Protein backbone atom coordinates (compact mmCIF):
# COMPACT_ATOMS: atom_id res chain seq x y z
CA MET A 1 9.65 8.40 -70.95
CA TYR A 2 12.81 7.49 -72.87
CA PHE A 3 12.71 4.31 -74.97
CA ALA A 4 16.34 3.24 -74.77
CA GLN A 5 15.98 -0.28 -76.15
CA LEU A 6 13.67 0.51 -79.08
CA ASN A 7 14.53 1.63 -82.60
CA ALA A 8 12.98 4.71 -84.24
CA ARG A 9 10.19 2.75 -85.95
CA GLU A 10 9.21 1.02 -82.72
CA VAL A 11 9.16 4.32 -80.83
CA LEU A 12 6.91 5.98 -83.42
CA ASN A 13 4.55 2.99 -83.43
CA ARG A 14 4.40 2.92 -79.64
CA VAL A 15 3.54 6.63 -79.46
CA LYS A 16 0.98 6.33 -82.27
CA TYR A 17 -0.85 3.43 -80.67
CA THR A 18 -0.74 4.62 -77.06
CA ALA A 19 -1.56 8.29 -77.72
CA GLY A 20 -3.77 7.63 -80.74
CA ASN A 21 -1.82 10.03 -82.97
CA LEU A 22 1.58 11.62 -83.54
CA ASN A 23 0.49 15.25 -83.10
CA ASN A 24 2.91 16.01 -80.25
CA VAL A 25 5.91 14.41 -81.96
CA ARG A 26 8.91 16.08 -83.61
CA VAL A 27 11.40 13.98 -85.58
CA GLU A 28 14.93 15.21 -86.29
CA TYR A 29 16.79 13.55 -89.15
CA ILE A 30 19.84 13.83 -91.39
CA SER A 31 18.86 15.78 -94.50
CA ARG A 32 21.80 16.14 -96.86
CA GLY A 33 21.92 19.54 -98.49
CA SER A 34 19.86 21.27 -95.80
CA PRO A 35 21.43 23.77 -93.39
CA ASP A 36 23.56 21.81 -90.91
CA ASN A 37 22.44 18.62 -92.76
CA ARG A 38 19.43 18.50 -90.42
CA GLY A 39 15.74 18.33 -91.07
CA VAL A 40 12.75 18.43 -88.75
CA LEU A 41 9.46 16.65 -89.31
CA ARG A 42 6.29 17.28 -87.33
CA GLY A 43 4.25 14.26 -86.34
CA GLU A 44 1.20 15.65 -88.16
CA GLU A 45 3.14 15.33 -91.43
CA ILE A 46 3.66 11.57 -91.05
CA LEU A 47 1.25 9.67 -93.27
CA ARG A 48 2.66 6.18 -92.80
CA ILE A 49 5.15 4.39 -90.57
CA GLY A 50 6.45 1.92 -93.12
CA HIS A 51 8.81 -1.01 -92.81
CA SER A 52 11.91 0.94 -93.86
CA PHE A 53 10.75 4.56 -94.15
CA VAL A 54 8.62 7.23 -92.50
CA GLU A 55 6.45 8.56 -95.29
CA THR A 56 5.05 12.08 -95.69
CA ALA A 57 3.23 13.69 -98.60
CA HIS A 58 6.53 14.95 -100.05
CA LYS A 59 9.30 12.60 -98.92
CA SER A 60 10.26 9.26 -97.47
CA ILE A 61 12.81 9.30 -94.65
CA PRO A 62 14.72 6.09 -93.94
CA TYR A 63 14.89 5.16 -90.26
CA HIS A 64 18.69 5.10 -90.23
CA ARG A 65 18.63 8.88 -90.84
CA ILE A 66 16.45 9.65 -87.82
CA THR A 67 18.64 11.11 -85.08
CA ALA A 68 16.08 12.05 -82.40
CA ILE A 69 12.39 11.89 -81.58
CA TYR A 70 10.71 14.30 -79.17
CA ARG A 71 7.23 14.14 -77.65
CA ASP A 72 6.27 17.62 -76.53
CA SER A 73 9.68 18.84 -75.29
CA GLU A 74 10.90 15.47 -73.96
CA CYS A 75 13.47 13.47 -75.94
CA ILE A 76 12.15 9.92 -76.18
CA PHE A 77 14.67 8.57 -78.70
CA ARG A 78 18.23 9.53 -79.61
CA ARG A 79 20.48 7.65 -81.98
CA ILE A 80 23.92 7.16 -80.53
CA ARG A 81 26.70 7.35 -83.10
CA THR A 82 29.76 5.23 -82.47
């Protein structure tokens, strides 16, 4: 299921509260300085879905840097750049 009208925070919250966890989720984000400026975060690493950031034990990722969210192998969110 693709959530076209929702932002990244809303998609993560919807998955968390319908599935009960984020274990099957993969988040791709812009990570300056990393190869290809891309980073990948597994759902198990997410400690908190905050107001402005996704928080893990080692970093906070602002929502505007999230480019895609996958559940299993299905893309459920993709940021469209204009």
